[in-house]
Protein backbone atom coordinates (compact mmCIF):
# COMPACT_ATOMS: atom_id res chain seq x y z
CA MET A 1 132.48 108.78 113.09
CA ILE A 2 129.79 108.40 110.41
CA ALA A 3 128.82 104.85 111.48
CA ASN A 4 128.73 105.94 115.22
CA ASN A 5 126.28 108.94 114.21
CA LEU A 6 124.10 106.44 112.13
CA ASN A 7 124.02 103.87 114.86
CA LEU A 8 122.98 106.64 117.29
CA PHE A 9 120.20 107.73 114.80
CA ILE A 10 118.96 104.15 114.56
CA LEU A 11 118.85 103.56 118.25
CA LYS A 12 117.04 106.88 118.67
CA HIS A 13 114.36 105.67 116.10
CA ILE A 14 114.75 101.97 116.47
CA LYS A 15 110.96 101.25 117.17
CA PHE A 16 110.09 103.03 113.89
CA ILE A 17 112.79 101.52 111.81
CA GLU A 18 112.07 97.90 113.25
CA MET A 19 108.32 98.51 112.34
CA MET A 20 109.21 99.67 108.78
CA GLY A 21 111.49 96.46 108.35
CA VAL A 22 108.60 94.29 109.55
CA LEU A 23 105.95 95.93 107.34
CA MET A 24 108.36 95.71 104.40
CA ARG A 25 108.65 91.89 104.96
CA ILE A 26 104.90 91.44 105.35
CA PHE A 27 104.37 93.34 102.13
CA SER A 28 106.89 91.43 100.19
CA PHE A 29 105.45 88.12 101.27
CA SER A 30 102.00 89.28 100.78
CA LEU A 31 102.76 90.14 97.27
CA VAL A 32 104.09 86.57 96.56
CA SER A 33 101.00 85.11 98.21
CA TRP A 34 98.66 87.08 96.00
CA LEU A 35 100.39 87.08 92.78
CA GLY A 36 102.03 83.63 92.94
CA PRO A 37 104.03 82.89 89.81
CA GLU A 38 103.26 86.32 88.47
CA SER A 39 105.15 88.01 91.29
CA PRO A 40 108.07 90.39 90.38
CA PHE A 41 110.55 87.92 92.08
CA MET A 42 113.69 90.19 91.70
CA PHE A 43 111.74 92.99 93.44
CA VAL A 44 110.42 90.73 96.18
CA TRP A 45 113.69 89.20 96.85
CA SER A 46 115.49 92.48 96.76
CA PHE A 47 113.06 94.27 98.97
CA ASN A 48 113.04 91.25 101.42
CA THR A 49 116.89 91.33 101.55
CA PHE A 50 116.73 95.07 102.31
CA ASP A 51 114.48 94.62 105.28
CA ALA A 52 116.54 91.77 106.53
CA VAL A 53 119.60 94.10 106.56
CA ILE A 54 117.54 96.85 108.48
CA LEU A 55 116.23 94.17 110.95
CA SER A 56 119.74 92.73 111.30
CA TRP A 57 121.25 96.02 112.15
CA CYS A 58 118.62 96.83 114.74
CA SER A 59 119.15 93.53 116.34
CA ILE A 60 122.89 93.80 116.35
CA LEU A 61 122.57 97.25 117.99
CA LYS A 62 120.16 95.74 120.56
CA LYS A 63 122.44 92.67 121.09
CA ASP A 64 119.58 90.32 120.51
CA LEU A 65 121.17 87.07 119.31
CA ALA A 66 118.08 85.26 118.23
CA TYR A 67 117.06 87.99 115.87
CA ILE A 68 120.56 88.51 114.67
CA LEU A 69 120.73 84.93 113.60
CA LEU A 70 117.26 84.97 112.07
CA ASN A 71 117.83 88.02 110.01
CA LEU A 72 121.19 87.04 108.94
CA PHE A 73 119.66 83.87 107.81
CA TRP A 74 117.09 85.86 105.79
CA ILE A 75 119.94 87.87 104.11
CA MET A 76 121.54 84.75 103.03
CA VAL A 77 118.16 83.47 101.63
CA GLY A 78 117.59 86.74 99.98
CA ILE A 79 120.94 86.71 98.22
CA ILE A 80 120.04 83.22 96.91
CA GLY A 81 116.61 84.34 95.79
CA ILE A 82 118.16 87.42 94.06
CA CYS A 83 120.51 85.05 92.21
CA ARG A 84 117.77 82.66 91.32
CA ALA A 85 115.41 85.57 90.20
CA GLY A 86 118.30 86.90 88.22
CA ASN A 87 119.09 83.48 86.72
CA TYR A 88 122.72 83.84 87.90
CA PHE A 89 122.78 80.20 88.98
CA PRO A 90 119.68 78.27 87.60
CA ILE A 91 118.71 75.21 89.47
CA SER A 92 117.09 72.53 87.48
């Protein structure tokens, strides 16, 4: 019931929610572009992964396979980025 109501809310506001996700992604990659090695990488990867979850959910509701695949890929990349930024599995 709760998931259904949440899906209905997202579908009702999908254009705004998608735009928010896209702006979040632009912001996170702009931050890395501008700050380079001084970037707050844990924040950037967490923020980027959260926007990938938002955009994945929207694309699943829209049944848009290309964007489902793209954003699920970004979730996986984000999880790896979070683990690397947190030094959970350092790669030499």
